[in-house]
Protein backbone atom coordinates (compact mmCIF):
# COMPACT_ATOMS: atom_id res chain seq x y z
CA UNK A 1 -66.33 -116.40 -69.02
CA UNK A 2 -62.76 -116.82 -67.89
CA UNK A 3 -61.99 -113.27 -69.03
CA UNK A 4 -64.87 -111.92 -66.99
CA UNK A 5 -63.64 -113.74 -63.92
CA UNK A 6 -60.14 -112.49 -64.53
CA UNK A 7 -61.42 -108.95 -64.98
CA UNK A 8 -63.39 -109.12 -61.75
CA UNK A 9 -60.29 -110.34 -59.95
CA UNK A 10 -58.31 -107.40 -61.33
CA UNK A 11 -55.83 -109.38 -63.42
CA UNK A 12 -55.41 -110.61 -66.99
CA UNK A 13 -54.99 -114.36 -67.65
CA UNK A 14 -51.39 -115.30 -68.18
CA UNK A 15 -50.07 -112.06 -66.68
CA UNK A 16 -48.86 -111.36 -63.17
CA UNK A 17 -50.31 -108.26 -61.51
CA UNK A 18 -47.73 -105.52 -60.88
CA UNK A 19 -46.26 -105.82 -57.41
CA UNK A 20 -46.43 -102.79 -55.16
CA UNK A 21 -43.04 -103.47 -53.68
CA UNK A 22 -40.01 -105.47 -54.70
CA UNK A 23 -40.13 -108.95 -53.21
CA UNK A 24 -36.73 -110.21 -54.27
CA UNK A 25 -33.33 -108.61 -53.68
CA UNK A 26 -31.79 -107.05 -56.77
CA UNK A 27 -29.30 -104.35 -57.66
CA UNK A 28 -31.61 -101.86 -55.95
CA UNK A 29 -30.67 -103.19 -52.54
CA UNK A 30 -26.96 -102.65 -53.17
CA UNK A 31 -27.77 -99.08 -54.18
CA UNK A 32 -29.78 -98.64 -50.98
CA UNK A 33 -26.87 -99.81 -48.88
CA UNK A 34 -24.47 -97.42 -50.64
CA UNK A 35 -26.89 -94.50 -50.19
CA UNK A 36 -27.46 -95.23 -46.49
CA UNK A 37 -23.75 -95.69 -45.82
CA UNK A 38 -22.83 -92.42 -47.55
CA UNK A 39 -25.54 -90.59 -45.67
CA UNK A 40 -24.80 -91.97 -42.21
CA UNK A 41 -21.00 -92.12 -42.33
CA UNK A 42 -20.15 -89.22 -44.68
CA UNK A 43 -22.91 -86.64 -45.12
CA UNK A 44 -24.10 -86.39 -41.51
CA UNK A 45 -20.58 -86.08 -39.96
CA UNK A 46 -19.57 -83.42 -42.49
CA UNK A 47 -22.71 -81.45 -41.80
CA UNK A 48 -22.19 -81.69 -38.05
CA UNK A 49 -18.61 -80.42 -38.30
CA UNK A 50 -19.80 -77.31 -40.12
CA UNK A 51 -22.43 -76.62 -37.47
CA UNK A 52 -25.25 -76.34 -39.98
CA UNK A 53 -28.83 -76.00 -38.72
CA UNK A 54 -30.38 -79.28 -37.62
CA UNK A 55 -33.02 -78.82 -40.32
CA UNK A 56 -30.47 -79.73 -43.01
CA UNK A 57 -29.55 -83.27 -41.82
CA UNK A 58 -33.16 -83.96 -40.88
CA UNK A 59 -34.26 -82.95 -44.37
CA UNK A 60 -31.55 -85.20 -45.80
CA UNK A 61 -32.97 -88.10 -43.81
CA UNK A 62 -36.37 -87.49 -45.36
CA UNK A 63 -34.80 -87.22 -48.81
CA UNK A 64 -32.85 -90.47 -48.42
CA UNK A 65 -35.94 -92.21 -47.04
CA UNK A 66 -38.13 -91.04 -49.90
CA UNK A 67 -35.49 -92.05 -52.43
CA UNK A 68 -35.14 -95.42 -50.76
CA UNK A 69 -38.85 -96.13 -51.00
CA UNK A 70 -38.77 -94.97 -54.62
CA UNK A 71 -36.11 -97.60 -55.30
CA UNK A 72 -37.91 -100.50 -53.68
CA UNK A 73 -41.43 -99.76 -54.90
CA UNK A 74 -42.70 -100.68 -58.36
CA UNK A 75 -45.86 -98.55 -58.41
CA UNK A 76 -45.98 -94.93 -59.57
CA UNK A 77 -48.98 -94.23 -57.33
CA UNK A 78 -47.03 -95.25 -54.23
CA UNK A 79 -44.12 -93.07 -55.29
CA UNK A 80 -46.42 -90.09 -55.71
CA UNK A 81 -47.96 -90.66 -52.28
CA UNK A 82 -44.54 -90.84 -50.67
CA UNK A 83 -43.45 -87.72 -52.58
CA UNK A 84 -46.46 -85.84 -51.22
CA UNK A 85 -45.68 -87.00 -47.69
CA UNK A 86 -42.07 -85.94 -48.14
CA UNK A 87 -43.09 -82.45 -49.28
CA UNK A 88 -45.38 -82.10 -46.26
CA UNK A 89 -42.54 -83.15 -43.97
CA UNK A 90 -40.08 -80.77 -45.62
CA UNK A 91 -42.54 -77.90 -45.26
CA UNK A 92 -43.16 -78.78 -41.62
CA UNK A 93 -39.45 -78.41 -40.84
CA UNK A 94 -39.61 -74.78 -41.91
CA UNK A 95 -42.33 -73.91 -39.40
CA UNK A 96 -41.52 -72.94 -35.81
CA UNK A 97 -42.76 -74.81 -32.78
CA UNK A 98 -42.83 -78.36 -31.48
CA UNK A 99 -45.73 -79.72 -33.53
CA UNK A 100 -44.14 -79.25 -37.00
CA UNK A 101 -40.91 -80.85 -35.80
CA UNK A 102 -42.84 -83.71 -34.22
CA UNK A 103 -44.84 -84.22 -37.42
CA UNK A 104 -41.77 -84.25 -39.66
CA UNK A 105 -39.79 -86.49 -37.33
CA UNK A 106 -42.73 -88.89 -36.97
CA UNK A 107 -42.99 -89.19 -40.75
CA UNK A 108 -39.24 -89.83 -40.88
CA UNK A 109 -39.62 -92.65 -38.36
CA UNK A 110 -42.58 -93.99 -40.35
CA UNK A 111 -40.46 -93.97 -43.53
CA UNK A 112 -37.68 -95.84 -41.77
CA UNK A 113 -40.11 -98.38 -40.31
CA UNK A 114 -41.68 -99.02 -43.72
CA UNK A 115 -38.27 -99.44 -45.32
CA UNK A 116 -37.24 -101.82 -42.55
CA UNK A 117 -40.34 -103.98 -43.06
CA UNK A 118 -39.95 -104.05 -46.84
CA UNK A 119 -36.26 -104.89 -46.66
CA UNK A 120 -36.95 -107.65 -44.15
CA UNK A 121 -39.62 -109.08 -46.43
CA UNK A 122 -37.28 -109.05 -49.42
CA UNK A 123 -34.15 -110.26 -47.63
CA UNK A 124 -35.94 -113.21 -46.07
CA UNK A 125 -37.89 -114.12 -49.22
CA UNK A 126 -37.27 -117.42 -50.96
CA UNK A 127 -34.41 -117.51 -53.40
CA UNK A 128 -30.68 -117.73 -53.79
CA UNK A 129 -28.47 -115.87 -51.34
CA UNK A 130 -26.32 -113.56 -53.46
CA UNK A 131 -24.43 -110.32 -52.89
CA UNK A 132 -27.54 -108.20 -53.38
CA UNK A 133 -29.35 -110.11 -50.66
CA UNK A 134 -26.42 -109.70 -48.28
CA UNK A 135 -26.30 -105.98 -49.11
CA UNK A 136 -30.00 -105.78 -48.34
CA UNK A 137 -29.43 -107.45 -44.98
CA UNK A 138 -26.72 -104.93 -44.08
CA UNK A 139 -28.97 -102.08 -45.25
CA UNK A 140 -31.75 -103.50 -43.06
CA UNK A 141 -29.46 -103.44 -40.03
CA UNK A 142 -28.23 -99.91 -40.76
CA UNK A 143 -31.72 -98.62 -41.46
CA UNK A 144 -32.86 -99.95 -38.09
CA UNK A 145 -30.35 -97.63 -36.47
CA UNK A 146 -31.66 -94.69 -38.52
CA UNK A 147 -35.23 -95.53 -37.50
CA UNK A 148 -34.36 -95.45 -33.80
CA UNK A 149 -32.36 -92.25 -34.32
CA UNK A 150 -35.54 -90.57 -35.63
CA UNK A 151 -37.40 -91.77 -32.54
CA UNK A 152 -34.68 -90.37 -30.29
CA UNK A 153 -34.94 -87.01 -32.06
CA UNK A 154 -38.68 -87.05 -31.40
CA UNK A 155 -38.17 -87.87 -27.72
CA UNK A 156 -35.53 -85.17 -27.39
CA UNK A 157 -37.85 -82.63 -28.98
CA UNK A 158 -40.58 -83.54 -26.50
CA UNK A 159 -38.28 -83.40 -23.44
CA UNK A 160 -35.22 -81.18 -23.25
CA UNK A 161 -33.56 -83.42 -20.64
CA UNK A 162 -34.20 -86.77 -22.30
CA UNK A 163 -30.46 -87.36 -22.86
CA UNK A 164 -27.41 -86.40 -20.85
CA UNK A 165 -24.01 -85.55 -22.27
CA UNK A 166 -25.38 -83.02 -24.76
CA UNK A 167 -25.10 -79.26 -24.55
CA UNK A 168 -28.36 -77.30 -24.85
CA UNK A 169 -27.55 -76.22 -28.39
CA UNK A 170 -26.99 -79.83 -29.50
CA UNK A 171 -30.08 -81.44 -28.01
CA UNK A 172 -32.03 -83.38 -30.62
CA UNK A 173 -29.43 -83.07 -33.37
CA UNK A 174 -29.63 -85.87 -35.92
CA UNK A 175 -25.89 -86.58 -35.99
CA UNK A 176 -25.74 -87.07 -32.21
CA UNK A 177 -28.83 -89.25 -32.21
CA UNK A 178 -27.49 -91.41 -35.06
CA UNK A 179 -24.24 -91.84 -33.13
CA UNK A 180 -26.14 -92.81 -29.98
CA UNK A 181 -28.44 -95.12 -31.95
CA UNK A 182 -25.61 -97.01 -33.66
CA UNK A 183 -23.60 -97.41 -30.45
CA UNK A 184 -26.76 -98.74 -28.78
CA UNK A 185 -27.63 -101.06 -31.66
CA UNK A 186 -24.12 -102.50 -31.73
CA UNK A 187 -24.02 -102.52 -27.89
CA UNK A 188 -20.76 -100.55 -27.85
CA UNK A 189 -22.07 -98.17 -25.21
CA UNK A 190 -19.40 -95.46 -25.11
CA UNK A 191 -21.30 -93.60 -22.42
CA UNK A 192 -20.84 -90.14 -23.90
CA UNK A 193 -24.63 -89.86 -24.40
CA UNK A 194 -27.02 -91.49 -21.96
CA UNK A 195 -30.83 -91.74 -21.91
CA UNK A 196 -32.41 -90.11 -18.88
CA UNK A 197 -36.19 -90.26 -19.04
CA UNK A 198 -38.29 -93.41 -19.11
CA UNK A 199 -39.19 -93.28 -22.82
CA UNK A 200 -35.59 -92.77 -23.94
CA UNK A 201 -34.37 -95.61 -21.73
CA UNK A 202 -37.13 -97.92 -22.95
CA UNK A 203 -36.27 -97.25 -26.60
CA UNK A 204 -32.57 -97.75 -25.90
CA UNK A 205 -33.29 -101.06 -24.16
CA UNK A 206 -35.40 -102.23 -27.11
CA UNK A 207 -32.76 -101.23 -29.64
CA UNK A 208 -30.01 -102.95 -27.66
CA UNK A 209 -32.10 -106.13 -27.55
CA UNK A 210 -32.68 -105.96 -31.30
CA UNK A 211 -28.98 -105.39 -31.83
CA UNK A 212 -28.20 -108.59 -29.92
CA UNK A 213 -30.80 -110.78 -31.64
CA UNK A 214 -30.69 -109.36 -35.16
CA UNK A 215 -27.31 -110.70 -36.42
CA UNK A 216 -27.85 -114.23 -35.12
CA UNK A 217 -31.45 -114.42 -36.36
CA UNK A 218 -30.63 -112.96 -39.75
CA UNK A 219 -27.60 -115.19 -40.22
CA UNK A 220 -29.66 -118.27 -39.40
CA UNK A 221 -32.33 -117.13 -41.86
CA UNK A 222 -29.82 -116.57 -44.67
CA UNK A 223 -28.17 -119.94 -44.07
CA UNK A 224 -31.57 -121.64 -44.16
CA UNK A 225 -32.46 -119.85 -47.42
CA UNK A 226 -29.19 -120.91 -49.03
CA UNK A 227 -29.67 -124.53 -47.97
CA UNK A 228 -33.22 -124.58 -49.37
CA UNK A 229 -32.06 -122.89 -52.57
CA UNK A 230 -29.32 -125.45 -53.13
CA UNK A 231 -31.73 -128.30 -52.44
CA UNK A 232 -34.17 -126.88 -54.97
CA UNK A 233 -31.45 -126.52 -57.61
CA UNK A 234 -30.35 -130.10 -57.08
CA UNK A 235 -33.93 -131.36 -57.24
CA UNK A 236 -34.82 -129.60 -60.49
CA UNK A 237 -32.37 -131.55 -62.69
CA UNK A 238 -33.65 -134.80 -61.17
CA UNK A 239 -37.23 -133.84 -62.02
CA UNK A 240 -36.29 -132.91 -65.57
CA UNK A 241 -34.44 -136.20 -66.01
CA UNK A 242 -37.38 -138.21 -64.66
CA UNK A 243 -39.79 -136.37 -66.97
CA UNK A 244 -37.65 -137.21 -70.03
CA UNK A 245 -37.41 -140.87 -69.11
């Protein structure tokens, strides 16, 4: 009878069902941080200096995003779905016109949003605060900038005058939008690129607000997790001692 109930619930007694996504920080989150840092601070600048077509860095964003989701998911079915979405996005970049670019860029932003949510869930999950969790928190912050950069590319593709400070041949380039996104997120505000239309300004305002609140909120959350983790470790020996006596 118990086996029938367990079968109807979709799980076997004594076994945990496979999680769709990782819920605790592990070595994967350190790898994610390294991949994002290499992409944002090494690959994109090198590509921009060589004046390669904007399709190349945008395709790299999709590749990094798909690889990131592959690292933090534990289900083959989810990986296959994301691979299919990635192939659709890559094919869309090869087609002319606004709609394919909008489709591919929207999927890029969706990837980044999903990664942000999953990282936030894992970083703020219960457990000990170790180096992998800290790496995940930094990756979460950096990935937020990439997510907004994809949105800026989409806005720039929809309106040619969405940002000032860019020449016509550099409008909507991923490297410029990542630079603008990170300076907005960190509230540096160099002023070399400025949002002009209402949508671009609204996104920049939202990102600047997140950039102000994120470090303080995340730091408070990590400190609270560490305090709770230490309290739990101190309580466990007391419980074991009381059970023996």
